[in-house]
C-alpha atoms as a PDB file:
ATOM      1  CA  MET A   1       0.062   0.191   0.139  1.00  0.00           C
ATOM      2  CA  ILE A   2       1.194   3.389  -0.952  1.00  0.00           C
ATOM      3  CA  PHE A   3       0.589   6.481   2.050  1.00  0.00           C
ATOM      4  CA  ASN A   4       0.475  10.071   1.247  1.00  0.00           C
ATOM      5  CA  ARG A   5       3.023  11.511   3.734  1.00  0.00           C
ATOM      6  CA  VAL A   6       1.819  15.466   2.680  1.00  0.00           C
ATOM      7  CA  SER A   7       0.029  16.390   6.482  1.00  0.00           C
ATOM      8  CA  ARG A   8       3.166  15.027   7.977  1.00  0.00           C
ATOM      9  CA  LEU A   9       5.509  17.490   5.579  1.00  0.00           C
ATOM     10  CA  MET A  10       3.263  20.542   5.879  1.00  0.00           C
ATOM     11  CA  GLY A  11       3.136  19.691   9.745  1.00  0.00           C
ATOM     12  CA  ASP A  12       7.216  19.537  10.256  1.00  0.00           C
ATOM     13  CA  ARG A  13       6.452  23.250   8.024  1.00  0.00           C
ATOM     14  CA  ARG A  14       3.747  24.263  10.403  1.00  0.00           C
ATOM     15  CA  ILE A  15       1.915  25.688   7.235  1.00  0.00           C
ATOM     16  CA  GLY A  16      -1.833  25.057   6.814  1.00  0.00           C
ATOM     17  CA  VAL A  17      -3.529  24.155   3.677  1.00  0.00           C
ATOM     18  CA  THR A  18      -3.950  27.666   2.050  1.00  0.00           C
ATOM     19  CA  ASP A  19      -0.318  28.169   2.586  1.00  0.00           C
ATOM     20  CA  LEU A  20       0.775  25.221   0.807  1.00  0.00           C
ATOM     21  CA  SER A  21      -1.748  26.314  -2.019  1.00  0.00           C
ATOM     22  CA  ARG A  22      -0.273  29.875  -2.567  1.00  0.00           C
ATOM     23  CA  LEU A  23       3.099  28.732  -2.001  1.00  0.00           C
ATOM     24  CA  THR A  24       3.059  26.018  -4.750  1.00  0.00           C
ATOM     25  CA  GLY A  25       0.796  26.783  -7.173  1.00  0.00           C
ATOM     26  CA  LEU A  26      -1.774  23.632  -6.696  1.00  0.00           C
ATOM     27  CA  SER A  27      -5.415  24.458  -6.143  1.00  0.00           C
ATOM     28  CA  TYR A  28      -6.521  24.627  -2.753  1.00  0.00           C
ATOM     29  CA  SER A  29      -8.859  21.836  -3.034  1.00  0.00           C
ATOM     30  CA  THR A  30      -5.774  19.649  -4.529  1.00  0.00           C
ATOM     31  CA  CYS A  31      -3.762  20.458  -1.465  1.00  0.00           C
ATOM     32  CA  TYR A  32      -6.940  20.153   0.831  1.00  0.00           C
ATOM     33  CA  ALA A  33      -7.470  16.394  -0.718  1.00  0.00           C
ATOM     34  CA  LEU A  34      -3.782  15.369  -0.162  1.00  0.00           C
ATOM     35  CA  TYR A  35      -4.039  17.265   3.450  1.00  0.00           C
ATOM     36  CA  ALA A  36      -6.897  15.094   4.347  1.00  0.00           C
ATOM     37  CA  ASP A  37      -5.473  12.048   2.775  1.00  0.00           C
ATOM     38  CA  ARG A  38      -8.638  11.826   0.285  1.00  0.00           C
ATOM     39  CA  THR A  39      -6.684  11.095  -2.711  1.00  0.00           C
ATOM     40  CA  ARG A  40      -6.513   8.090  -5.119  1.00  0.00           C
ATOM     41  CA  ARG A  41      -4.184   9.245  -7.631  1.00  0.00           C
ATOM     42  CA  ILE A  42      -1.778  12.127  -7.873  1.00  0.00           C
ATOM     43  CA  ASP A  43      -0.614  13.509 -11.174  1.00  0.00           C
ATOM     44  CA  PHE A  44       3.386  13.907 -12.100  1.00  0.00           C
ATOM     45  CA  GLY A  45       2.686  17.858 -11.877  1.00  0.00           C
ATOM     46  CA  THR A  46       1.733  18.017  -8.451  1.00  0.00           C
ATOM     47  CA  LEU A  47       4.267  15.768  -7.244  1.00  0.00           C
ATOM     48  CA  ASP A  48       6.546  17.858  -8.796  1.00  0.00           C
ATOM     49  CA  ALA A  49       5.595  21.133  -7.074  1.00  0.00           C
ATOM     50  CA  LEU A  50       5.257  19.209  -4.291  1.00  0.00           C
ATOM     51  CA  CYS A  51       9.094  17.734  -4.083  1.00  0.00           C
ATOM     52  CA  SER A  52       9.593  21.361  -5.534  1.00  0.00           C
ATOM     53  CA  TYR A  53       8.402  23.433  -2.351  1.00  0.00           C
ATOM     54  CA  PHE A  54       9.406  21.072   0.222  1.00  0.00           C
ATOM     55  CA  GLY A  55      12.750  20.177  -1.328  1.00  0.00           C
ATOM     56  CA  CYS A  56      12.801  16.101  -1.546  1.00  0.00           C
ATOM     57  CA  GLY A  57      12.408  13.025  -2.999  1.00  0.00           C
ATOM     58  CA  VAL A  58       9.003  11.467  -4.494  1.00  0.00           C
ATOM     59  CA  GLY A  59       9.900   8.650  -1.681  1.00  0.00           C
ATOM     60  CA  ASP A  60       9.365  11.338   0.921  1.00  0.00           C
ATOM     61  CA  VAL A  61       5.942  12.748  -0.373  1.00  0.00           C
ATOM     62  CA  LEU A  62       4.467   8.673  -0.934  1.00  0.00           C
ATOM     63  CA  GLU A  63       5.712   5.752   1.229  1.00  0.00           C
ATOM     64  CA  TYR A  64       5.441   2.514   0.151  1.00  0.00           C
ATOM     65  CA  SER A  65       4.492  -0.424   2.731  1.00  0.00           C
ATOM     66  CA  PRO A  66       4.271  -3.776   1.222  1.00  0.00           C
ATOM     67  CA  ASP A  67       2.935  -4.978   4.976  1.00  0.00           C
ATOM     68  CA  ALA A  68      -0.187  -3.036   4.819  1.00  0.00           C
ATOM     69  CA  PRO A  69      -3.312  -4.406   4.403  1.00  0.00           C
ATOM     70  CA  PRO A  70      -5.381  -4.167   0.846  1.00  0.00           C
ATOM     71  CA  SER A  71      -7.612  -1.120   0.983  1.00  0.00           C
ATOM     72  CA  PRO A  72     -11.124  -1.734   1.086  1.00  0.00           C
ATOM     73  CA  PRO A  73     -12.929  -3.037  -2.621  1.00  0.00           C
ATOM     74  CA  GLU A  74     -14.829  -0.334  -4.672  1.00  0.00           C
ATOM     75  CA  ARG A  75     -18.808  -0.325  -4.460  1.00  0.00           C
ATOM     76  CA  GLU A  76     -18.771  -1.316  -8.061  1.00  0.00           C
ATOM     77  CA  ALA A  77     -16.589  -4.468  -7.462  1.00  0.00           C
ATOM     78  CA  ASP A  78     -18.820  -5.158  -4.505  1.00  0.00           C
ATOM     79  CA  LEU A  79     -21.849  -5.247  -7.108  1.00  0.00           C
ATOM     80  CA  GLU A  80     -20.471  -7.294  -9.264  1.00  0.00           C
ATOM     81  CA  THR A  81     -19.141 -10.196  -7.026  1.00  0.00           C
ATOM     82  CA  GLY A  82     -22.498 -10.144  -4.846  1.00  0.00           C
ATOM     83  CA  VAL A  83     -20.182  -9.120  -1.406  1.00  0.00           C
ATOM     84  CA  GLY A  84     -22.435  -6.358   0.873  1.00  0.00           C
ATOM     85  CA  CYS A  85     -25.625  -6.642  -0.879  1.00  0.00           C
END
């Protein structure tokens, strides 16, 4: 599983979502979604802006952990398999 570490990086710098948006040029909604860990994918341009601002690599923004439990199945998959119906 891949974990988003943006909120930790923001906490280390003691900046809020509005500041991150202003300083990176990313939209407020993108920054908030990253902060609240509500993203399912990330654009290369977004990663580039974050790495540039924080002065770090992609591995500092995103963390891979092979031991983490898999994420819950999508609702569509539930309907196909009959799970939860």
